[in-house]
Amino acid sequence: MTADVIVIGGGLSGLAAATKLSLSGAKVVLLEQKSILGGRTYSFTDPKTGDEVDNGQHILVGAYHNTLKYLDLIGTKHFLKRQSKPRLYFHHPQKGLHTFEISNLPKPFDITAAMLNYKILSFRERNKLLRVGLELKRWNEKLERKLSLLSVESWLDSLNQSEEAKQCFWYPIVISVMNEIPGRASALLFARSLKNTFLAKKSDADVLIPSVGQTKLYVEEAVDLLKKNKAEVITNAKVKSIIVSDGTAVGVDAGKKIKSKYVISSVPYYNVAQLIPKSYLNHIMFNELNLFESSPIISINLWFDRKVMDIEFVGLIKRNLQWVFNRRRITGDATKPENYISAVISGAGDEIHLTKDELVKMAVGELKEVFPECRNAQLTNAIVIKEKRATYSATNEVESIRPNPETPIKNFYLAGDWTNTGLPATIEGAIQSGFKCAELIAIN
């Protein structure tokens, strides 16, 4: 077998690269060692309830331009429900349910009004929220250098954000965007994400909610498109190494040798070394991968004997659960009651050791505190999914060494949300990296 391009890894970065290259006329071979594609974004059918379960709930924003382009290419963008007037619900243990709602006012008055109307905080604290926006509007190289030395927590402290403002507003957003605790997460990456979302086009702040499972949204139509364009998609394919001749990648060894003009690795950072010839492992790009660490995510899926939640999703303040989703309302399945709840714990280093029963007990207890309807409901089913290596840990130390797509091996490229995308470990970063590799190959 021969190809123009071999893509190793069938996660979102690999699918994005393969899709774009196949549409340009390249002969593509996509190799995935697992039996399913999608990487860390997949879904499956729960045999007990018949419901489609995601390995983790994702909310997108309009600033995810590469993601929207990818979904356009494969024909699934219509599965996103767009909130052009975003409304985020937050629940405080003492102050109850409040909203952060971005108005229809022109920028920057829309986000200013949202901050000033966020009544969980005192007026003085709300007024101080605006300091973050003013800092972002002064974006320049000097600010980037400053942010590159700070954690999110220390950056917010430098802007005189109160402990209550951090706990009740910033931290729920930080942890979901960064999948890392604020004391470790890179201020540069978080600030850049805020700027891209809230200080660019008004539509960039739109909230986009998938109405289908992740496999249907990201994978199934991509595979159909690849096959339509004569690409080979091979699962259960273990790549032993790339083949290098005179400093140039010329194929891979996957039990049998497959020749190609280019090779893209879209595997996680911790698997890259397995693909590289030993003579290259001491190169600084590959050697520094040992400095990367992972951050876990836990998803807790719960089914009750009745409806327990009246809104689509809510952020929980000062609790273990961070975001809770009403899955039936999100998917729009009117044939079943709204009794399926999905809860997420990002940056779950303190919780990852807990057993399924402990996590379920904790989650149900917190839901009873938030939703009165849950107090009389009976739990009928539970699925806990632990992604111990959900993302790389987005710290400043690692940000300075994230690799570019080009490598010391000619015609061998790296893709993945952990590479130098300028973004945290997001779906947008993964797809952006795949597209970038495809563009570099097209140029060559």
Protein backbone atom coordinates (compact mmCIF):
# COMPACT_ATOMS: atom_id res chain seq x y z
CA MET A 1 0.00 0.00 0.00
CA THR A 2 1.19 3.51 -0.82
CA ALA A 3 -0.23 6.94 -0.05
CA ASP A 4 0.43 10.62 -0.47
CA VAL A 5 -0.16 11.18 3.25
CA ILE A 6 -0.40 8.82 6.21
CA VAL A 7 -2.22 10.20 9.25
CA ILE A 8 -1.50 8.36 12.50
CA GLY A 9 -4.37 8.72 14.97
CA GLY A 10 -8.09 9.12 14.36
CA GLY A 11 -8.91 11.79 16.92
CA LEU A 12 -10.22 15.19 15.89
CA SER A 13 -6.84 16.56 14.79
CA GLY A 14 -6.23 13.49 12.62
CA LEU A 15 -9.73 13.56 11.16
CA ALA A 16 -9.40 17.28 10.40
CA ALA A 17 -6.06 16.80 8.61
CA ALA A 18 -7.25 13.73 6.70
CA THR A 19 -10.52 15.37 5.66
CA LYS A 20 -8.90 18.54 4.36
CA LEU A 21 -6.17 16.64 2.51
CA SER A 22 -8.60 14.19 0.92
CA LEU A 23 -10.75 17.08 -0.32
CA SER A 24 -7.65 18.54 -1.99
CA GLY A 25 -7.18 15.32 -3.96
CA ALA A 26 -4.46 13.69 -1.86
CA LYS A 27 -4.48 9.94 -1.40
CA VAL A 28 -4.82 9.58 2.39
CA VAL A 29 -4.42 6.61 4.72
CA LEU A 30 -5.76 7.15 8.26
CA LEU A 31 -4.53 4.67 10.87
CA GLU A 32 -6.16 4.36 14.31
CA GLN A 33 -5.02 1.81 16.91
CA LYS A 34 -8.45 1.63 18.62
CA SER A 35 -11.58 0.11 17.16
CA ILE A 36 -13.36 3.50 17.13
CA LEU A 37 -12.46 6.96 15.87
CA GLY A 38 -12.83 10.30 17.63
CA GLY A 39 -10.04 10.04 20.19
CA ARG A 40 -11.21 11.73 23.39
CA THR A 41 -14.50 12.84 21.79
CA TYR A 42 -16.71 9.82 21.36
CA SER A 43 -20.14 8.55 22.31
CA PHE A 44 -21.77 5.17 22.80
CA THR A 45 -25.23 3.74 23.39
CA ASP A 46 -26.10 2.78 26.95
CA PRO A 47 -27.75 -0.67 26.68
CA LYS A 48 -29.95 -0.11 29.73
CA THR A 49 -31.58 3.17 28.69
CA GLY A 50 -30.90 3.30 24.96
CA ASP A 51 -29.46 6.80 25.42
CA GLU A 52 -26.40 8.05 23.59
CA VAL A 53 -23.71 8.85 26.17
CA ASP A 54 -20.80 11.19 25.48
CA ASN A 55 -17.50 10.56 27.23
CA GLY A 56 -17.70 14.24 28.22
CA GLN A 57 -20.13 17.06 27.53
CA HIS A 58 -18.76 19.91 25.40
CA ILE A 59 -20.13 23.39 24.81
CA LEU A 60 -18.70 25.31 21.85
CA VAL A 61 -18.57 29.04 21.12
CA GLY A 62 -18.77 31.05 17.92
CA ALA A 63 -15.04 31.81 18.16
CA TYR A 64 -14.34 28.17 17.27
CA HIS A 65 -13.90 29.08 13.61
CA ASN A 66 -11.90 25.99 12.63
CA THR A 67 -14.40 23.69 14.35
CA LEU A 68 -17.29 25.30 12.48
CA LYS A 69 -15.36 25.00 9.22
CA TYR A 70 -14.72 21.31 9.89
CA LEU A 71 -18.39 20.66 10.68
CA ASP A 72 -19.29 22.54 7.49
CA LEU A 73 -16.96 20.31 5.48
CA ILE A 74 -18.46 17.09 6.83
CA GLY A 75 -22.02 18.42 6.85
CA THR A 76 -22.97 18.34 10.54
CA LYS A 77 -22.98 22.00 11.57
CA HIS A 78 -26.79 21.97 11.60
CA PHE A 79 -26.62 19.79 14.73
CA LEU A 80 -25.45 22.83 16.74
CA LYS A 81 -28.07 24.94 18.52
CA ARG A 82 -26.89 28.54 18.58
CA GLN A 83 -27.60 30.93 21.44
CA SER A 84 -26.95 34.36 19.91
CA LYS A 85 -27.90 35.92 23.24
CA PRO A 86 -25.84 33.67 25.52
CA ARG A 87 -27.25 33.01 28.98
CA LEU A 88 -25.20 31.12 31.55
CA TYR A 89 -26.88 29.95 34.73
CA PHE A 90 -24.91 29.72 37.97
CA HIS A 91 -26.12 28.28 41.28
CA HIS A 92 -24.70 29.57 44.57
CA PRO A 93 -25.18 27.53 47.79
CA GLN A 94 -26.67 30.49 49.66
CA LYS A 95 -27.75 32.93 46.93
CA GLY A 96 -29.47 30.43 44.65
CA LEU A 97 -29.81 30.61 40.87
CA HIS A 98 -28.55 33.64 38.91
CA THR A 99 -27.80 34.33 35.26
CA PHE A 100 -24.93 35.86 33.35
CA GLU A 101 -26.60 37.06 30.16
CA ILE A 102 -24.96 38.86 27.27
CA SER A 103 -27.37 41.43 25.86
CA ASN A 104 -28.03 42.54 22.30
CA LEU A 105 -26.16 45.78 22.93
CA PRO A 106 -23.21 46.48 20.61
CA LYS A 107 -19.72 45.54 21.79
CA PRO A 108 -18.27 46.21 24.32
CA PHE A 109 -21.46 47.30 26.09
CA ASP A 110 -22.97 43.81 25.84
CA ILE A 111 -20.36 42.16 28.06
CA THR A 112 -20.18 45.25 30.31
CA ALA A 113 -23.91 45.08 30.98
CA ALA A 114 -23.69 41.32 31.62
CA MET A 115 -21.00 41.81 34.25
CA LEU A 116 -22.83 44.68 35.96
CA ASN A 117 -26.06 42.65 36.13
CA TYR A 118 -24.46 39.53 37.63
CA LYS A 119 -26.13 39.85 41.00
CA ILE A 120 -24.46 36.97 42.80
CA LEU A 121 -21.70 39.51 43.43
CA SER A 122 -21.93 42.87 45.17
CA PHE A 123 -22.02 45.94 42.94
CA ARG A 124 -18.45 46.76 43.95
CA GLU A 125 -17.28 43.27 42.95
CA ARG A 126 -19.22 43.43 39.68
CA ASN A 127 -17.59 46.75 38.89
CA LYS A 128 -14.16 45.21 39.45
CA LEU A 129 -14.95 42.49 36.87
CA LEU A 130 -14.62 45.19 34.24
CA ARG A 131 -10.91 45.51 35.03
CA VAL A 132 -10.33 42.18 33.29
CA GLY A 133 -12.02 43.47 30.14
CA LEU A 134 -9.98 46.68 30.20
CA GLU A 135 -6.79 44.63 30.53
CA LEU A 136 -7.73 42.52 27.52
CA LYS A 137 -8.50 45.59 25.41
CA ARG A 138 -4.91 46.75 25.96
CA TRP A 139 -3.57 43.53 24.41
CA ASN A 140 -0.01 43.83 23.12
CA GLU A 141 3.33 42.02 23.30
CA LYS A 142 4.10 43.50 26.70
CA LEU A 143 0.87 42.09 28.13
CA GLU A 144 1.58 38.69 26.55
CA ARG A 145 4.99 38.60 28.23
CA LYS A 146 3.41 39.50 31.57
CA LEU A 147 0.71 36.86 31.23
CA SER A 148 3.22 34.20 30.22
CA LEU A 149 4.70 34.40 33.73
CA LEU A 150 1.40 34.25 35.64
CA SER A 151 -1.13 31.63 36.61
CA VAL A 152 -4.79 32.54 36.13
CA GLU A 153 -5.16 32.91 39.89
CA SER A 154 -2.23 35.33 40.21
CA TRP A 155 -3.41 37.31 37.17
CA LEU A 156 -6.89 37.76 38.66
CA ASP A 157 -5.29 38.77 41.96
CA SER A 158 -3.24 41.41 40.15
CA LEU A 159 -6.52 42.86 38.85
CA ASN A 160 -8.00 43.01 42.36
CA GLN A 161 -10.62 40.36 41.79
CA SER A 162 -12.12 39.40 45.15
CA GLU A 163 -12.17 35.82 46.42
CA GLU A 164 -15.94 35.80 45.96
CA ALA A 165 -15.60 37.02 42.35
CA LYS A 166 -13.06 34.31 41.64
CA GLN A 167 -15.13 31.55 43.24
CA CYS A 168 -18.51 32.68 41.91
CA PHE A 169 -17.60 33.73 38.38
CA TRP A 170 -14.06 33.28 37.12
CA TYR A 171 -13.15 29.84 38.43
CA PRO A 172 -16.11 27.91 36.94
CA ILE A 173 -15.14 29.34 33.55
CA VAL A 174 -11.39 28.86 34.05
CA ILE A 175 -11.65 25.19 34.94
CA SER A 176 -14.01 24.35 32.08
CA VAL A 177 -11.87 26.20 29.50
CA MET A 178 -8.46 25.13 30.80
CA ASN A 179 -9.16 21.75 32.47
CA GLU A 180 -6.71 22.84 35.14
CA ILE A 181 -6.98 24.49 38.54
CA PRO A 182 -6.55 28.30 38.49
CA GLY A 183 -3.35 28.17 40.54
CA ARG A 184 -1.63 26.15 37.78
CA ALA A 185 -3.42 27.20 34.59
CA SER A 186 -1.66 29.56 32.19
CA ALA A 187 -2.97 33.12 32.39
CA LEU A 188 -1.81 33.73 28.82
CA LEU A 189 -3.95 30.93 27.37
CA PHE A 190 -7.00 31.82 29.44
CA ALA A 191 -6.77 35.53 28.66
CA ARG A 192 -6.33 34.78 24.97
CA SER A 193 -9.42 32.58 25.03
CA LEU A 194 -11.44 35.37 26.65
CA LYS A 195 -10.17 37.91 24.11
CA ASN A 196 -10.96 35.66 21.15
CA THR A 197 -14.47 34.98 22.41
CA PHE A 198 -15.65 38.30 23.83
CA LEU A 199 -13.59 41.04 22.16
CA ALA A 200 -13.79 39.99 18.50
CA LYS A 201 -16.99 39.65 16.43
CA LYS A 202 -20.22 39.65 18.40
CA SER A 203 -21.10 36.21 17.02
CA ASP A 204 -17.85 34.81 18.47
CA ALA A 205 -19.48 34.90 21.91
CA ASP A 206 -22.47 32.81 20.77
CA VAL A 207 -22.92 29.58 22.69
CA LEU A 208 -23.23 26.49 20.47
CA ILE A 209 -24.79 23.39 21.99
CA PRO A 210 -24.52 20.03 20.17
CA SER A 211 -27.90 18.32 19.90
CA VAL A 212 -26.38 14.93 19.04
CA GLY A 213 -23.64 12.74 20.46
CA GLN A 214 -20.01 13.43 19.71
CA THR A 215 -19.54 10.48 17.37
CA LYS A 216 -22.43 11.64 15.19
CA LEU A 217 -21.29 15.26 15.30
CA TYR A 218 -17.57 14.82 14.61
CA VAL A 219 -16.86 11.34 13.31
CA GLU A 220 -19.48 9.46 11.28
CA GLU A 221 -19.87 11.94 8.44
CA ALA A 222 -16.12 12.58 8.36
CA VAL A 223 -15.50 8.89 7.77
CA ASP A 224 -18.12 8.82 5.02
CA LEU A 225 -16.50 11.83 3.37
CA LEU A 226 -13.05 10.27 3.58
CA LYS A 227 -14.24 7.05 1.98
CA LYS A 228 -16.07 9.02 -0.70
CA ASN A 229 -12.74 10.66 -1.52
CA LYS A 230 -10.99 7.28 -1.77
CA ALA A 231 -9.17 7.56 1.55
CA GLU A 232 -8.30 4.40 3.47
CA VAL A 233 -9.58 4.43 7.06
CA ILE A 234 -8.07 1.55 9.04
CA THR A 235 -8.90 0.89 12.70
CA ASN A 236 -7.16 -1.54 15.06
CA ALA A 237 -3.95 -0.51 13.33
CA LYS A 238 -0.94 -0.31 15.62
CA VAL A 239 1.83 1.85 14.14
CA LYS A 240 5.20 0.64 15.42
CA SER A 241 7.24 3.51 14.02
CA ILE A 242 7.61 5.95 11.21
CA ILE A 243 10.12 5.02 8.52
CA VAL A 244 12.85 7.59 7.93
CA SER A 245 15.30 7.59 5.03
CA ASP A 246 18.05 10.22 4.73
CA GLY A 247 16.28 12.42 7.27
CA THR A 248 12.91 12.26 5.50
CA ALA A 249 9.74 10.40 6.55
CA VAL A 250 8.84 7.95 3.79
CA GLY A 251 6.15 5.85 5.46
CA VAL A 252 5.26 3.84 8.55
CA ASP A 253 5.66 0.35 9.91
CA ALA A 254 2.21 -0.84 11.00
CA GLY A 255 2.96 -4.55 10.97
CA LYS A 256 3.45 -4.09 7.26
CA LYS A 257 5.26 -1.19 5.63
CA ILE A 258 3.15 1.56 4.09
CA LYS A 259 4.98 4.07 1.90
CA SER A 260 4.01 7.74 1.70
CA LYS A 261 5.32 11.18 0.79
CA TYR A 262 4.25 12.68 4.12
CA VAL A 263 3.37 11.47 7.61
CA ILE A 264 1.27 13.30 10.21
CA SER A 265 1.23 12.14 13.82
CA SER A 266 -1.94 13.16 15.66
CA VAL A 267 -1.37 10.93 18.68
CA PRO A 268 -1.17 12.31 22.25
CA TYR A 269 2.15 13.73 23.42
CA TYR A 270 2.87 10.67 25.56
CA ASN A 271 2.74 8.34 22.53
CA VAL A 272 4.92 10.33 20.13
CA ALA A 273 8.23 8.87 21.35
CA GLN A 274 7.05 5.38 20.40
CA LEU A 275 6.88 6.45 16.76
CA ILE A 276 10.27 8.15 16.51
CA PRO A 277 13.51 6.40 15.51
CA LYS A 278 15.86 6.26 18.51
CA SER A 279 18.40 8.48 16.79
CA TYR A 280 15.95 11.40 17.01
CA LEU A 281 14.70 10.96 20.58
CA ASN A 282 17.38 13.23 22.06
CA HIS A 283 16.38 16.13 19.84
CA ILE A 284 15.06 18.92 22.07
CA MET A 285 11.59 18.87 20.46
CA PHE A 286 11.01 15.23 21.32
CA ASN A 287 13.03 15.18 24.55
CA GLU A 288 10.95 18.00 26.07
CA LEU A 289 7.76 15.97 25.69
CA ASN A 290 8.79 14.33 28.98
CA LEU A 291 7.94 17.63 30.69
CA PHE A 292 4.26 17.46 29.71
CA GLU A 293 1.70 16.32 32.28
CA SER A 294 -1.95 15.31 31.97
CA SER A 295 -5.08 16.67 33.62
CA PRO A 296 -8.16 14.43 34.15
CA ILE A 297 -11.89 14.92 33.56
CA ILE A 298 -14.71 12.94 35.16
CA SER A 299 -18.18 12.68 33.62
CA ILE A 300 -21.01 11.41 35.81
CA ASN A 301 -24.18 10.35 33.95
CA LEU A 302 -27.28 9.88 36.09
CA TRP A 303 -30.81 8.71 35.29
CA PHE A 304 -33.72 9.33 37.68
CA ASP A 305 -37.30 8.09 37.77
CA ARG A 306 -38.61 11.60 37.00
CA LYS A 307 -37.71 15.04 35.67
CA VAL A 308 -35.34 16.83 38.05
CA MET A 309 -33.96 19.84 36.13
CA ASP A 310 -35.75 22.66 34.27
CA ILE A 311 -32.83 24.32 32.41
CA GLU A 312 -30.34 23.09 29.80
CA PHE A 313 -27.18 23.52 31.85
CA VAL A 314 -25.89 25.28 34.96
CA GLY A 315 -22.56 26.03 36.59
CA LEU A 316 -22.32 25.05 40.25
CA ILE A 317 -20.39 27.34 42.58
CA LYS A 318 -18.31 26.10 45.54
CA ARG A 319 -19.16 22.46 44.87
CA ASN A 320 -17.35 19.44 43.47
CA LEU A 321 -19.56 19.28 40.37
CA GLN A 322 -18.79 22.19 38.07
CA TRP A 323 -21.30 21.99 35.23
CA VAL A 324 -24.53 20.02 35.06
CA PHE A 325 -26.41 19.31 31.82
CA ASN A 326 -30.00 18.29 31.13
CA ARG A 327 -29.19 15.86 28.35
CA ARG A 328 -32.75 15.25 27.17
CA ARG A 329 -33.48 18.94 26.82
CA ILE A 330 -30.19 19.48 24.99
CA THR A 331 -30.84 16.69 22.49
CA GLY A 332 -34.49 17.67 22.09
CA ASP A 333 -35.73 14.10 22.59
CA ALA A 334 -39.40 14.70 23.46
CA THR A 335 -40.19 10.98 23.49
CA LYS A 336 -38.57 10.54 26.93
CA PRO A 337 -38.83 12.49 30.19
CA GLU A 338 -36.08 14.95 31.14
CA ASN A 339 -34.57 12.57 33.68
CA TYR A 340 -31.06 12.12 32.26
CA ILE A 341 -28.42 14.37 33.83
CA SER A 342 -24.72 14.63 32.93
CA ALA A 343 -22.30 16.30 35.35
CA VAL A 344 -18.66 17.22 34.73
CA ILE A 345 -15.63 17.63 36.98
CA SER A 346 -12.70 19.15 35.06
CA GLY A 347 -9.18 19.39 36.46
CA ALA A 348 -10.26 16.41 38.56
CA GLY A 349 -6.93 15.62 40.21
CA ASP A 350 -8.49 15.47 43.69
CA GLU A 351 -11.45 13.32 42.63
CA ILE A 352 -9.96 10.89 40.10
CA HIS A 353 -9.12 8.32 42.83
CA LEU A 354 -12.75 8.09 44.06
CA THR A 355 -14.76 4.99 43.21
CA LYS A 356 -17.83 5.04 40.99
CA ASP A 357 -20.11 4.67 44.02
CA GLU A 358 -18.38 7.52 45.84
CA LEU A 359 -18.65 9.81 42.82
CA VAL A 360 -22.31 8.96 42.24
CA LYS A 361 -23.16 9.53 45.91
CA MET A 362 -21.36 12.88 45.87
CA ALA A 363 -23.08 13.96 42.65
CA VAL A 364 -26.59 12.98 43.76
CA GLY A 365 -26.05 14.75 47.08
CA GLU A 366 -25.06 17.99 45.37
CA LEU A 367 -27.91 17.78 42.85
CA LYS A 368 -30.39 17.45 45.73
CA GLU A 369 -29.02 20.70 47.15
CA VAL A 370 -29.53 22.50 43.81
CA PHE A 371 -32.73 20.96 42.42
CA PRO A 372 -35.62 20.39 44.88
CA GLU A 373 -37.24 17.94 42.43
CA CYS A 374 -34.23 15.65 42.87
CA ARG A 375 -34.88 15.13 46.60
CA ASN A 376 -37.80 12.77 46.04
CA ALA A 377 -36.43 11.18 42.87
CA GLN A 378 -34.94 7.70 42.74
CA LEU A 379 -31.71 7.02 40.88
CA THR A 380 -32.28 4.30 38.26
CA ASN A 381 -28.96 4.18 36.42
CA ALA A 382 -25.46 5.64 36.58
CA ILE A 383 -22.41 5.65 34.31
CA VAL A 384 -19.12 7.23 35.40
CA ILE A 385 -16.43 7.93 32.81
CA LYS A 386 -12.91 8.81 33.96
CA GLU A 387 -10.56 10.30 31.40
CA LYS A 388 -7.31 10.24 33.38
CA ARG A 389 -5.37 11.78 30.51
CA ALA A 390 -8.15 13.96 29.14
CA THR A 391 -5.88 16.87 28.20
CA TYR A 392 -2.36 18.08 28.69
CA SER A 393 -1.92 20.31 31.75
CA ALA A 394 -1.96 23.87 30.36
CA THR A 395 0.70 25.53 32.52
CA ASN A 396 3.10 28.33 31.58
CA GLU A 397 6.06 25.95 31.82
CA VAL A 398 4.62 23.72 29.13
CA GLU A 399 3.28 26.59 27.01
CA SER A 400 6.84 27.68 26.25
CA ILE A 401 7.77 24.25 24.83
CA ARG A 402 4.66 23.20 22.90
CA PRO A 403 6.01 22.06 19.52
CA ASN A 404 5.17 23.51 16.12
CA PRO A 405 3.86 21.16 13.40
CA GLU A 406 7.22 20.95 11.61
CA THR A 407 9.73 18.50 13.10
CA PRO A 408 13.45 17.72 12.64
CA ILE A 409 12.34 14.90 10.36
CA LYS A 410 11.47 16.26 6.92
CA ASN A 411 7.86 15.61 5.81
CA PHE A 412 6.88 14.46 9.32
CA TYR A 413 4.40 16.71 11.13
CA LEU A 414 2.78 16.86 14.57
CA ALA A 415 -0.89 17.62 15.20
CA GLY A 416 -2.95 17.60 18.37
CA ASP A 417 -4.47 19.99 20.89
CA TRP A 418 -1.22 19.80 22.88
CA THR A 419 0.89 21.26 20.06
CA ASN A 420 1.57 24.98 19.64
CA THR A 421 -1.93 26.15 18.73
CA GLY A 422 -1.92 29.21 21.00
CA LEU A 423 -5.05 27.80 22.65
CA PRO A 424 -5.75 25.56 25.63
CA ALA A 425 -6.48 21.87 25.02
CA THR A 426 -9.78 22.42 23.23
CA ILE A 427 -11.66 20.88 20.32
CA GLU A 428 -10.87 24.08 18.41
CA GLY A 429 -7.14 23.64 19.06
CA ALA A 430 -7.20 20.02 17.93
CA ILE A 431 -8.96 20.79 14.65
CA GLN A 432 -6.85 23.89 14.05
CA SER A 433 -3.67 21.80 14.39
CA GLY A 434 -4.92 19.22 11.89
CA PHE A 435 -5.83 21.90 9.38
CA LYS A 436 -2.40 23.52 9.83
CA CYS A 437 -0.58 20.30 8.98
CA ALA A 438 -2.75 19.86 5.89
CA GLU A 439 -1.93 23.42 4.78
CA LEU A 440 1.81 22.89 5.25
CA ILE A 441 1.68 19.74 3.11
CA ALA A 442 -0.35 21.53 0.44
CA ILE A 443 2.31 24.27 0.32
CA ASN A 444 5.05 21.68 -0.14
